[in-house]
Amino acid sequence: MNKALTAIALAGTLFLANCSTLGGGLPTQAQITAITAQAQSATQTACGFLPTAQTIGGIAASLFPNGAPIETMISTVASAICNALTTHAAVRGRAGVARFHGVPIHGHYVS
């Protein structure tokens, strides 16, 4: 169910601003998967963290309710995740999961 909601949120965000980029209409599952993989790669490169697809979809939907160019979306989501993780870690004694605009950030650090 969470994967379906993530796909719907990300598809809606992509549809609003990228109709011409994606060839019109709703993005396909393959396009959503590719964009999610690009955002995961950008985040991993930026701060060594591999977020889940649900995290990426939730943050993209919260940042871009009216859509955005794909490149902007990918880099902004990666930055938002890394900044939220850094801020969360900087607050000593803070328990729980880091969040961005109420979206929990799930995933794991990679080397």
PDB file of N, CA and C in Angstrom:
ATOM      1  N   MET A   1       0.824  -1.188   0.000  1.00  0.00           N
ATOM      2  CA  MET A   1       0.000   0.000   0.000  1.00  0.00           C
ATOM      3  C   MET A   1       0.866   1.248   0.000  1.00  0.00           C
ATOM      4  N   ASN A   2       1.934   1.285   0.845  1.00  0.00           N
ATOM      5  CA  ASN A   2       2.805   2.454   0.887  1.00  0.00           C
ATOM      6  C   ASN A   2       3.469   2.699  -0.454  1.00  0.00           C
ATOM      7  N   LYS A   3       3.887   1.624  -1.138  1.00  0.00           N
ATOM      8  CA  LYS A   3       4.523   1.791  -2.441  1.00  0.00           C
ATOM      9  C   LYS A   3       3.549   2.386  -3.449  1.00  0.00           C
ATOM     10  N   ALA A   4       2.307   1.950  -3.384  1.00  0.00           N
ATOM     11  CA  ALA A   4       1.305   2.482  -4.299  1.00  0.00           C
ATOM     12  C   ALA A   4       1.056   3.959  -4.033  1.00  0.00           C
ATOM     13  N   LEU A   5       0.959   4.340  -2.769  1.00  0.00           N
ATOM     14  CA  LEU A   5       0.756   5.757  -2.427  1.00  0.00           C
ATOM     15  C   LEU A   5       1.952   6.600  -2.848  1.00  0.00           C
ATOM     16  N   THR A   6       3.150   6.057  -2.661  1.00  0.00           N
ATOM     17  CA  THR A   6       4.354   6.767  -3.082  1.00  0.00           C
ATOM     18  C   THR A   6       4.350   6.975  -4.584  1.00  0.00           C
ATOM     19  N   ALA A   7       4.039   5.926  -5.309  1.00  0.00           N
ATOM     20  CA  ALA A   7       4.005   6.031  -6.770  1.00  0.00           C
ATOM     21  C   ALA A   7       2.964   7.047  -7.221  1.00  0.00           C
ATOM     22  N   ILE A   8       1.807   7.053  -6.575  1.00  0.00           N
ATOM     23  CA  ILE A   8       0.759   8.015  -6.921  1.00  0.00           C
ATOM     24  C   ILE A   8       1.209   9.443  -6.637  1.00  0.00           C
ATOM     25  N   ALA A   9       1.826   9.661  -5.456  1.00  0.00           N
ATOM     26  CA  ALA A   9       2.289  11.003  -5.106  1.00  0.00           C
ATOM     27  C   ALA A   9       3.356  11.485  -6.076  1.00  0.00           C
ATOM     28  N   LEU A  10       4.323  10.624  -6.366  1.00  0.00           N
ATOM     29  CA  LEU A  10       5.397  11.007  -7.277  1.00  0.00           C
ATOM     30  C   LEU A  10       4.864  11.177  -8.696  1.00  0.00           C
ATOM     31  N   ALA A  11       3.961  10.314  -9.120  1.00  0.00           N
ATOM     32  CA  ALA A  11       3.384  10.429 -10.466  1.00  0.00           C
ATOM     33  C   ALA A  11       2.629  11.738 -10.620  1.00  0.00           C
ATOM     34  N   GLY A  12       1.849  12.095  -9.610  1.00  0.00           N
ATOM     35  CA  GLY A  12       1.109  13.354  -9.668  1.00  0.00           C
ATOM     36  C   GLY A  12       2.024  14.553  -9.734  1.00  0.00           C
ATOM     37  N   THR A  13       3.084  14.520  -8.938  1.00  0.00           N
ATOM     38  CA  THR A  13       4.053  15.611  -8.941  1.00  0.00           C
ATOM     39  C   THR A  13       4.728  15.723 -10.300  1.00  0.00           C
ATOM     40  N   LEU A  14       5.133  14.588 -10.852  1.00  0.00           N
ATOM     41  CA  LEU A  14       5.788  14.595 -12.163  1.00  0.00           C
ATOM     42  C   LEU A  14       4.830  15.032 -13.268  1.00  0.00           C
ATOM     43  N   PHE A  15       3.593  14.593 -13.189  1.00  0.00           N
ATOM     44  CA  PHE A  15       2.607  14.918 -14.214  1.00  0.00           C
ATOM     45  C   PHE A  15       2.359  16.410 -14.319  1.00  0.00           C
ATOM     46  N   LEU A  16       2.280  17.088 -13.200  1.00  0.00           N
ATOM     47  CA  LEU A  16       1.909  18.500 -13.199  1.00  0.00           C
ATOM     48  C   LEU A  16       2.879  19.394 -13.954  1.00  0.00           C
ATOM     49  N   ALA A  17       4.171  19.119 -13.845  1.00  0.00           N
ATOM     50  CA  ALA A  17       5.128  20.036 -14.468  1.00  0.00           C
ATOM     51  C   ALA A  17       5.903  19.432 -15.615  1.00  0.00           C
ATOM     52  N   ASN A  18       5.764  18.157 -15.840  1.00  0.00           N
ATOM     53  CA  ASN A  18       6.623  17.515 -16.819  1.00  0.00           C
ATOM     54  C   ASN A  18       5.869  16.819 -17.935  1.00  0.00           C
ATOM     55  N   CYS A  19       4.690  17.270 -18.227  1.00  0.00           N
ATOM     56  CA  CYS A  19       3.909  16.623 -19.280  1.00  0.00           C
ATOM     57  C   CYS A  19       4.681  16.570 -20.590  1.00  0.00           C
ATOM     58  N   SER A  20       5.277  17.666 -20.986  1.00  0.00           N
ATOM     59  CA  SER A  20       5.998  17.674 -22.256  1.00  0.00           C
ATOM     60  C   SER A  20       7.304  16.894 -22.152  1.00  0.00           C
ATOM     61  N   THR A  21       7.962  16.960 -20.997  1.00  0.00           N
ATOM     62  CA  THR A  21       9.228  16.242 -20.818  1.00  0.00           C
ATOM     63  C   THR A  21       9.005  14.745 -20.881  1.00  0.00           C
ATOM     64  N   LEU A  22       7.926  14.279 -20.278  1.00  0.00           N
ATOM     65  CA  LEU A  22       7.652  12.849 -20.222  1.00  0.00           C
ATOM     66  C   LEU A  22       6.798  12.374 -21.392  1.00  0.00           C
ATOM     67  N   GLY A  23       6.526  13.243 -22.343  1.00  0.00           N
ATOM     68  CA  GLY A  23       5.768  12.846 -23.515  1.00  0.00           C
ATOM     69  C   GLY A  23       4.260  12.955 -23.338  1.00  0.00           C
ATOM     70  N   GLY A  24       3.814  13.658 -22.322  1.00  0.00           N
ATOM     71  CA  GLY A  24       2.383  13.828 -22.096  1.00  0.00           C
ATOM     72  C   GLY A  24       1.801  12.695 -21.283  1.00  0.00           C
ATOM     73  N   GLY A  25       0.772  13.001 -20.545  1.00  0.00           N
ATOM     74  CA  GLY A  25       0.099  11.999 -19.736  1.00  0.00           C
ATOM     75  C   GLY A  25       0.868  11.662 -18.468  1.00  0.00           C
ATOM     76  N   LEU A  26       0.332  10.677 -17.766  1.00  0.00           N
ATOM     77  CA  LEU A  26       0.970  10.249 -16.523  1.00  0.00           C
ATOM     78  C   LEU A  26       2.273   9.518 -16.810  1.00  0.00           C
ATOM     79  N   PRO A  27       3.252   9.663 -15.933  1.00  0.00           N
ATOM     80  CA  PRO A  27       4.502   8.930 -16.124  1.00  0.00           C
ATOM     81  C   PRO A  27       4.259   7.429 -15.927  1.00  0.00           C
ATOM     82  N   THR A  28       5.039   6.632 -16.618  1.00  0.00           N
ATOM     83  CA  THR A  28       4.925   5.184 -16.491  1.00  0.00           C
ATOM     84  C   THR A  28       5.634   4.719 -15.225  1.00  0.00           C
ATOM     85  N   GLN A  29       5.383   3.483 -14.839  1.00  0.00           N
ATOM     86  CA  GLN A  29       6.072   2.917 -13.686  1.00  0.00           C
ATOM     87  C   GLN A  29       7.580   2.898 -13.936  1.00  0.00           C
ATOM     88  N   ALA A  30       7.995   2.635 -15.165  1.00  0.00           N
ATOM     89  CA  ALA A  30       9.430   2.622 -15.495  1.00  0.00           C
ATOM     90  C   ALA A  30      10.046   4.015 -15.301  1.00  0.00           C
ATOM     91  N   GLN A  31       9.317   5.061 -15.695  1.00  0.00           N
ATOM     92  CA  GLN A  31       9.825   6.422 -15.510  1.00  0.00           C
ATOM     93  C   GLN A  31       9.907   6.774 -14.018  1.00  0.00           C
ATOM     94  N   ILE A  32       8.901   6.390 -13.244  1.00  0.00           N
ATOM     95  CA  ILE A  32       8.915   6.655 -11.805  1.00  0.00           C
ATOM     96  C   ILE A  32      10.081   5.922 -11.156  1.00  0.00           C
ATOM     97  N   THR A  33      10.291   4.674 -11.549  1.00  0.00           N
ATOM     98  CA  THR A  33      11.391   3.879 -11.003  1.00  0.00           C
ATOM     99  C   THR A  33      12.736   4.511 -11.346  1.00  0.00           C
ATOM    100  N   ALA A  34      12.891   4.973 -12.577  1.00  0.00           N
ATOM    101  CA  ALA A  34      14.154   5.595 -13.002  1.00  0.00           C
ATOM    102  C   ALA A  34      14.417   6.896 -12.246  1.00  0.00           C
ATOM    103  N   ILE A  35      13.396   7.707 -12.082  1.00  0.00           N
ATOM    104  CA  ILE A  35      13.554   8.979 -11.362  1.00  0.00           C
ATOM    105  C   ILE A  35      13.854   8.723  -9.892  1.00  0.00           C
ATOM    106  N   THR A  36      13.200   7.726  -9.312  1.00  0.00           N
ATOM    107  CA  THR A  36      13.471   7.365  -7.918  1.00  0.00           C
ATOM    108  C   THR A  36      14.908   6.906  -7.773  1.00  0.00           C
ATOM    109  N   ALA A  37      15.382   6.085  -8.696  1.00  0.00           N
ATOM    110  CA  ALA A  37      16.768   5.604  -8.656  1.00  0.00           C
ATOM    111  C   ALA A  37      17.753   6.768  -8.786  1.00  0.00           C
ATOM    112  N   GLN A  38      17.439   7.747  -9.625  1.00  0.00           N
ATOM    113  CA  GLN A  38      18.307   8.918  -9.780  1.00  0.00           C
ATOM    114  C   GLN A  38      18.362   9.719  -8.485  1.00  0.00           C
ATOM    115  N   ALA A  39      17.218   9.885  -7.821  1.00  0.00           N
ATOM    116  CA  ALA A  39      17.185  10.615  -6.557  1.00  0.00           C
ATOM    117  C   ALA A  39      17.933   9.847  -5.472  1.00  0.00           C
ATOM    118  N   GLN A  40      17.804   8.531  -5.467  1.00  0.00           N
ATOM    119  CA  GLN A  40      18.547   7.721  -4.498  1.00  0.00           C
ATOM    120  C   GLN A  40      20.046   7.856  -4.735  1.00  0.00           C
ATOM    121  N   SER A  41      20.451   7.804  -5.978  1.00  0.00           N
ATOM    122  CA  SER A  41      21.868   7.933  -6.316  1.00  0.00           C
ATOM    123  C   SER A  41      22.417   9.309  -5.938  1.00  0.00           C
ATOM    124  N   ALA A  42      21.636  10.348  -6.214  1.00  0.00           N
ATOM    125  CA  ALA A  42      22.069  11.715  -5.875  1.00  0.00           C
ATOM    126  C   ALA A  42      22.219  11.876  -4.372  1.00  0.00           C
ATOM    127  N   THR A  43      21.295  11.300  -3.604  1.00  0.00           N
ATOM    128  CA  THR A  43      21.374  11.392  -2.142  1.00  0.00           C
ATOM    129  C   THR A  43      22.561  10.606  -1.620  1.00  0.00           C
ATOM    130  N   GLN A  44      22.759   9.411  -2.167  1.00  0.00           N
ATOM    131  CA  GLN A  44      23.893   8.587  -1.742  1.00  0.00           C
ATOM    132  C   GLN A  44      25.209   9.297  -2.037  1.00  0.00           C
ATOM    133  N   THR A  45      25.313   9.940  -3.182  1.00  0.00           N
ATOM    134  CA  THR A  45      26.518  10.675  -3.542  1.00  0.00           C
ATOM    135  C   THR A  45      26.715  11.884  -2.621  1.00  0.00           C
ATOM    136  N   ALA A  46      25.634  12.581  -2.312  1.00  0.00           N
ATOM    137  CA  ALA A  46      25.722  13.804  -1.511  1.00  0.00           C
ATOM    138  C   ALA A  46      26.072  13.548  -0.051  1.00  0.00           C
ATOM    139  N   CYS A  47      25.479  12.497   0.545  1.00  0.00           N
ATOM    140  CA  CYS A  47      25.715  12.321   1.987  1.00  0.00           C
ATOM    141  C   CYS A  47      25.816  10.873   2.441  1.00  0.00           C
ATOM    142  N   GLY A  48      25.949   9.949   1.497  1.00  0.00           N
ATOM    143  CA  GLY A  48      26.155   8.561   1.871  1.00  0.00           C
ATOM    144  C   GLY A  48      24.931   7.875   2.445  1.00  0.00           C
ATOM    145  N   PHE A  49      23.747   8.381   2.144  1.00  0.00           N
ATOM    146  CA  PHE A  49      22.501   7.815   2.661  1.00  0.00           C
ATOM    147  C   PHE A  49      21.647   7.358   1.493  1.00  0.00           C
ATOM    148  N   LEU A  50      21.109   6.141   1.580  1.00  0.00           N
ATOM    149  CA  LEU A  50      20.238   5.609   0.538  1.00  0.00           C
ATOM    150  C   LEU A  50      18.801   5.620   1.044  1.00  0.00           C
ATOM    151  N   PRO A  51      18.009   6.610   0.626  1.00  0.00           N
ATOM    152  CA  PRO A  51      16.622   6.706   1.102  1.00  0.00           C
ATOM    153  C   PRO A  51      15.725   5.695   0.397  1.00  0.00           C
ATOM    154  N   THR A  52      14.622   5.375   1.050  1.00  0.00           N
ATOM    155  CA  THR A  52      13.636   4.484   0.432  1.00  0.00           C
ATOM    156  C   THR A  52      12.852   5.255  -0.630  1.00  0.00           C
ATOM    157  N   ALA A  53      12.189   4.515  -1.488  1.00  0.00           N
ATOM    158  CA  ALA A  53      11.345   5.140  -2.512  1.00  0.00           C
ATOM    159  C   ALA A  53      10.210   5.924  -1.863  1.00  0.00           C
ATOM    160  N   GLN A  54       9.679   5.407  -0.750  1.00  0.00           N
ATOM    161  CA  GLN A  54       8.600   6.097  -0.056  1.00  0.00           C
ATOM    162  C   GLN A  54       9.066   7.458   0.450  1.00  0.00           C
ATOM    163  N   THR A  55      10.288   7.521   0.959  1.00  0.00           N
ATOM    164  CA  THR A  55      10.833   8.793   1.441  1.00  0.00           C
ATOM    165  C   THR A  55      10.952   9.786   0.295  1.00  0.00           C
ATOM    166  N   ILE A  56      11.486   9.342  -0.819  1.00  0.00           N
ATOM    167  CA  ILE A  56      11.656  10.228  -1.973  1.00  0.00           C
ATOM    168  C   ILE A  56      10.299  10.727  -2.480  1.00  0.00           C
ATOM    169  N   GLY A  57       9.347   9.833  -2.617  1.00  0.00           N
ATOM    170  CA  GLY A  57       8.018  10.229  -3.092  1.00  0.00           C
ATOM    171  C   GLY A  57       7.339  11.204  -2.160  1.00  0.00           C
ATOM    172  N   GLY A  58       7.435  10.951  -0.858  1.00  0.00           N
ATOM    173  CA  GLY A  58       6.805  11.839   0.122  1.00  0.00           C
ATOM    174  C   GLY A  58       7.415  13.220   0.138  1.00  0.00           C
ATOM    175  N   ILE A  59       8.733  13.280   0.074  1.00  0.00           N
ATOM    176  CA  ILE A  59       9.409  14.583   0.095  1.00  0.00           C
ATOM    177  C   ILE A  59       9.166  15.327  -1.214  1.00  0.00           C
ATOM    178  N   ALA A  60       9.228  14.632  -2.338  1.00  0.00           N
ATOM    179  CA  ALA A  60       8.957  15.289  -3.629  1.00  0.00           C
ATOM    180  C   ALA A  60       7.549  15.869  -3.652  1.00  0.00           C
ATOM    181  N   ALA A  61       6.599  15.114  -3.147  1.00  0.00           N
ATOM    182  CA  ALA A  61       5.215  15.606  -3.132  1.00  0.00           C
ATOM    183  C   ALA A  61       5.048  16.794  -2.197  1.00  0.00           C
ATOM    184  N   SER A  62       5.787  16.804  -1.065  1.00  0.00           N
ATOM    185  CA  SER A  62       5.657  17.932  -0.137  1.00  0.00           C
ATOM    186  C   SER A  62       6.364  19.183  -0.662  1.00  0.00           C
ATOM    187  N   LEU A  63       7.467  18.997  -1.367  1.00  0.00           N
ATOM    188  CA  LEU A  63       8.213  20.148  -1.893  1.00  0.00           C
ATOM    189  C   LEU A  63       7.606  20.716  -3.176  1.00  0.00           C
ATOM    190  N   PHE A  64       7.055  19.858  -3.989  1.00  0.00           N
ATOM    191  CA  PHE A  64       6.597  20.264  -5.314  1.00  0.00           C
ATOM    192  C   PHE A  64       5.148  19.858  -5.560  1.00  0.00           C
ATOM    193  N   PRO A  65       4.200  20.418  -4.805  1.00  0.00           N
ATOM    194  CA  PRO A  65       2.800  20.022  -5.018  1.00  0.00           C
ATOM    195  C   PRO A  65       2.287  20.381  -6.410  1.00  0.00           C
ATOM    196  N   ASN A  66       2.945  21.328  -7.059  1.00  0.00           N
ATOM    197  CA  ASN A  66       2.538  21.732  -8.409  1.00  0.00           C
ATOM    198  C   ASN A  66       3.510  21.259  -9.471  1.00  0.00           C
ATOM    199  N   GLY A  67       4.415  20.352  -9.094  1.00  0.00           N
ATOM    200  CA  GLY A  67       5.371  19.813 -10.045  1.00  0.00           C
ATOM    201  C   GLY A  67       6.621  20.657 -10.148  1.00  0.00           C
ATOM    202  N   ALA A  68       7.609  20.118 -10.838  1.00  0.00           N
ATOM    203  CA  ALA A  68       8.886  20.800 -11.052  1.00  0.00           C
ATOM    204  C   ALA A  68       9.664  20.020 -12.105  1.00  0.00           C
ATOM    205  N   PRO A  69      10.654  20.656 -12.722  1.00  0.00           N
ATOM    206  CA  PRO A  69      11.508  19.908 -13.647  1.00  0.00           C
ATOM    207  C   PRO A  69      12.179  18.753 -12.905  1.00  0.00           C
ATOM    208  N   ILE A  70      12.338  17.651 -13.587  1.00  0.00           N
ATOM    209  CA  ILE A  70      12.870  16.446 -12.957  1.00  0.00           C
ATOM    210  C   ILE A  70      14.234  16.684 -12.325  1.00  0.00           C
ATOM    211  N   GLU A  71      15.128  17.369 -13.020  1.00  0.00           N
ATOM    212  CA  GLU A  71      16.471  17.614 -12.488  1.00  0.00           C
ATOM    213  C   GLU A  71      16.409  18.412 -11.190  1.00  0.00           C
ATOM    214  N   THR A  72      15.549  19.410 -11.150  1.00  0.00           N
ATOM    215  CA  THR A  72      15.368  20.219  -9.949  1.00  0.00           C
ATOM    216  C   THR A  72      14.821  19.359  -8.819  1.00  0.00           C
ATOM    217  N   MET A  73      13.845  18.542  -9.146  1.00  0.00           N
ATOM    218  CA  MET A  73      13.234  17.684  -8.145  1.00  0.00           C
ATOM    219  C   MET A  73      14.261  16.733  -7.528  1.00  0.00           C
ATOM    220  N   ILE A  74      15.066  16.110  -8.362  1.00  0.00           N
ATOM    221  CA  ILE A  74      16.047  15.138  -7.882  1.00  0.00           C
ATOM    222  C   ILE A  74      17.063  15.801  -6.968  1.00  0.00           C
ATOM    223  N   SER A  75      17.645  16.907  -7.402  1.00  0.00           N
ATOM    224  CA  SER A  75      18.681  17.553  -6.584  1.00  0.00           C
ATOM    225  C   SER A  75      18.107  18.164  -5.312  1.00  0.00           C
ATOM    226  N   THR A  76      16.914  18.715  -5.386  1.00  0.00           N
ATOM    227  CA  THR A  76      16.308  19.332  -4.204  1.00  0.00           C
ATOM    228  C   THR A  76      15.913  18.285  -3.176  1.00  0.00           C
ATOM    229  N   VAL A  77      15.368  17.166  -3.626  1.00  0.00           N
ATOM    230  CA  VAL A  77      15.004  16.088  -2.703  1.00  0.00           C
ATOM    231  C   VAL A  77      16.259  15.541  -2.031  1.00  0.00           C
ATOM    232  N   ALA A  78      17.329  15.326  -2.797  1.00  0.00           N
ATOM    233  CA  ALA A  78      18.583  14.829  -2.216  1.00  0.00           C
ATOM    234  C   ALA A  78      19.111  15.803  -1.166  1.00  0.00           C
ATOM    235  N   SER A  79      19.108  17.085  -1.474  1.00  0.00           N
ATOM    236  CA  SER A  79      19.574  18.096  -0.516  1.00  0.00           C
ATOM    237  C   SER A  79      18.701  18.137   0.728  1.00  0.00           C
ATOM    238  N   ALA A  80      17.397  18.048   0.542  1.00  0.00           N
ATOM    239  CA  ALA A  80      16.475  18.084   1.678  1.00  0.00           C
ATOM    240  C   ALA A  80      16.726  16.911   2.617  1.00  0.00           C
ATOM    241  N   ILE A  81      16.931  15.733   2.054  1.00  0.00           N
ATOM    242  CA  ILE A  81      17.192  14.550   2.875  1.00  0.00           C
ATOM    243  C   ILE A  81      18.494  14.712   3.638  1.00  0.00           C
ATOM    244  N   CYS A  82      19.550  15.092   2.948  1.00  0.00           N
ATOM    245  CA  CYS A  82      20.855  15.248   3.606  1.00  0.00           C
ATOM    246  C   CYS A  82      20.813  16.326   4.680  1.00  0.00           C
ATOM    247  N   ASN A  83      20.176  17.445   4.404  1.00  0.00           N
ATOM    248  CA  ASN A  83      20.074  18.517   5.403  1.00  0.00           C
ATOM    249  C   ASN A  83      19.269  18.088   6.616  1.00  0.00           C
ATOM    250  N   ALA A  84      18.175  17.365   6.391  1.00  0.00           N
ATOM    251  CA  ALA A  84      17.355  16.898   7.516  1.00  0.00           C
ATOM    252  C   ALA A  84      18.124  15.905   8.374  1.00  0.00           C
ATOM    253  N   LEU A  85      18.889  15.030   7.730  1.00  0.00           N
ATOM    254  CA  LEU A  85      19.688  14.064   8.486  1.00  0.00           C
ATOM    255  C   LEU A  85      20.771  14.771   9.294  1.00  0.00           C
ATOM    256  N   THR A  86      21.420  15.759   8.702  1.00  0.00           N
ATOM    257  CA  THR A  86      22.463  16.513   9.395  1.00  0.00           C
ATOM    258  C   THR A  86      21.880  17.276  10.573  1.00  0.00           C
ATOM    259  N   THR A  87      20.759  17.934  10.368  1.00  0.00           N
ATOM    260  CA  THR A  87      20.106  18.692  11.438  1.00  0.00           C
ATOM    261  C   THR A  87      19.662  17.760  12.560  1.00  0.00           C
ATOM    262  N   HIS A  88      19.086  16.637  12.197  1.00  0.00           N
ATOM    263  CA  HIS A  88      18.622  15.665  13.184  1.00  0.00           C
ATOM    264  C   HIS A  88      19.796  15.148  14.014  1.00  0.00           C
ATOM    265  N   ALA A  89      20.911  14.835  13.366  1.00  0.00           N
ATOM    266  CA  ALA A  89      22.085  14.312  14.058  1.00  0.00           C
ATOM    267  C   ALA A  89      22.734  15.372  14.946  1.00  0.00           C
ATOM    268  N   ALA A  90      22.607  16.638  14.561  1.00  0.00           N
ATOM    269  CA  ALA A  90      23.236  17.713  15.321  1.00  0.00           C
ATOM    270  C   ALA A  90      22.539  17.973  16.654  1.00  0.00           C
ATOM    271  N   VAL A  91      21.281  17.606  16.753  1.00  0.00           N
ATOM    272  CA  VAL A  91      20.535  17.812  17.987  1.00  0.00           C
ATOM    273  C   VAL A  91      20.778  16.595  18.876  1.00  0.00           C
ATOM    274  N   ARG A  92      21.662  16.761  19.819  1.00  0.00           N
ATOM    275  CA  ARG A  92      22.042  15.639  20.684  1.00  0.00           C
ATOM    276  C   ARG A  92      20.856  15.156  21.500  1.00  0.00           C
ATOM    277  N   GLY A  93      20.775  13.856  21.609  1.00  0.00           N
ATOM    278  CA  GLY A  93      19.728  13.260  22.412  1.00  0.00           C
ATOM    279  C   GLY A  93      18.384  13.181  21.711  1.00  0.00           C
ATOM    280  N   ARG A  94      18.335  13.579  20.482  1.00  0.00           N
ATOM    281  CA  ARG A  94      17.063  13.549  19.758  1.00  0.00           C
ATOM    282  C   ARG A  94      16.753  12.110  19.348  1.00  0.00           C
ATOM    283  N   ALA A  95      15.652  11.614  19.781  1.00  0.00           N
ATOM    284  CA  ALA A  95      15.259  10.248  19.467  1.00  0.00           C
ATOM    285  C   ALA A  95      14.347  10.230  18.250  1.00  0.00           C
ATOM    286  N   GLY A  96      14.222   9.077  17.659  1.00  0.00           N
ATOM    287  CA  GLY A  96      13.287   8.910  16.559  1.00  0.00           C
ATOM    288  C   GLY A  96      13.923   9.098  15.202  1.00  0.00           C
ATOM    289  N   VAL A  97      13.068   9.200  14.233  1.00  0.00           N
ATOM    290  CA  VAL A  97      13.464   9.277  12.832  1.00  0.00           C
ATOM    291  C   VAL A  97      13.515  10.740  12.399  1.00  0.00           C
ATOM    292  N   ALA A  98      14.526  11.068  11.599  1.00  0.00           N
ATOM    293  CA  ALA A  98      14.585  12.415  11.029  1.00  0.00           C
ATOM    294  C   ALA A  98      13.378  12.610  10.118  1.00  0.00           C
ATOM    295  N   ARG A  99      12.918  13.851  10.020  1.00  0.00           N
ATOM    296  CA  ARG A  99      11.756  14.178   9.182  1.00  0.00           C
ATOM    297  C   ARG A  99      12.042  15.434   8.371  1.00  0.00           C
ATOM    298  N   PHE A 100      11.345  15.525   7.248  1.00  0.00           N
ATOM    299  CA  PHE A 100      11.370  16.735   6.437  1.00  0.00           C
ATOM    300  C   PHE A 100       9.931  17.059   6.094  1.00  0.00           C
ATOM    301  N   HIS A 101       9.463  18.217   6.530  1.00  0.00           N
ATOM    302  CA  HIS A 101       8.069  18.636   6.317  1.00  0.00           C
ATOM    303  C   HIS A 101       7.099  17.548   6.770  1.00  0.00           C
ATOM    304  N   GLY A 102       7.447  16.883   7.864  1.00  0.00           N
ATOM    305  CA  GLY A 102       6.585  15.844   8.411  1.00  0.00           C
ATOM    306  C   GLY A 102       6.759  14.472   7.782  1.00  0.00           C
ATOM    307  N   VAL A 103       7.554  14.377   6.730  1.00  0.00           N
ATOM    308  CA  VAL A 103       7.778  13.091   6.062  1.00  0.00           C
ATOM    309  C   VAL A 103       8.953  12.385   6.750  1.00  0.00           C
ATOM    310  N   PRO A 104       8.727  11.191   7.299  1.00  0.00           N
ATOM    311  CA  PRO A 104       9.831  10.473   7.929  1.00  0.00           C
ATOM    312  C   PRO A 104      10.859  10.043   6.880  1.00  0.00           C
ATOM    313  N   ILE A 105      12.119  10.153   7.242  1.00  0.00           N
ATOM    314  CA  ILE A 105      13.190   9.781   6.322  1.00  0.00           C
ATOM    315  C   ILE A 105      13.675   8.385   6.688  1.00  0.00           C
ATOM    316  N   HIS A 106      13.361   7.445   5.818  1.00  0.00           N
ATOM    317  CA  HIS A 106      13.764   6.059   6.026  1.00  0.00           C
ATOM    318  C   HIS A 106      14.793   5.675   4.984  1.00  0.00           C
ATOM    319  N   GLY A 107      15.674   4.806   5.370  1.00  0.00           N
ATOM    320  CA  GLY A 107      16.730   4.319   4.487  1.00  0.00           C
ATOM    321  C   GLY A 107      17.892   3.897   5.348  1.00  0.00           C
ATOM    322  N   HIS A 108      19.084   3.875   4.756  1.00  0.00           N
ATOM    323  CA  HIS A 108      20.263   3.509   5.530  1.00  0.00           C
ATOM    324  C   HIS A 108      21.518   4.152   4.936  1.00  0.00           C
ATOM    325  N   TYR A 109      22.512   4.304   5.798  1.00  0.00           N
ATOM    326  CA  TYR A 109      23.790   4.842   5.352  1.00  0.00           C
ATOM    327  C   TYR A 109      24.551   3.738   4.620  1.00  0.00           C
ATOM    328  N   VAL A 110      25.264   4.121   3.594  1.00  0.00           N
ATOM    329  CA  VAL A 110      26.078   3.181   2.814  1.00  0.00           C
ATOM    330  C   VAL A 110      27.493   3.711   2.729  1.00  0.00           C
ATOM    331  N   SER A 111      28.400   2.803   2.507  1.00  0.00           N
ATOM    332  CA  SER A 111      29.803   3.258   2.413  1.00  0.00           C
ATOM    333  C   SER A 111      30.290   3.214   0.986  1.00  0.00           C
TER     334      SER A 111
END
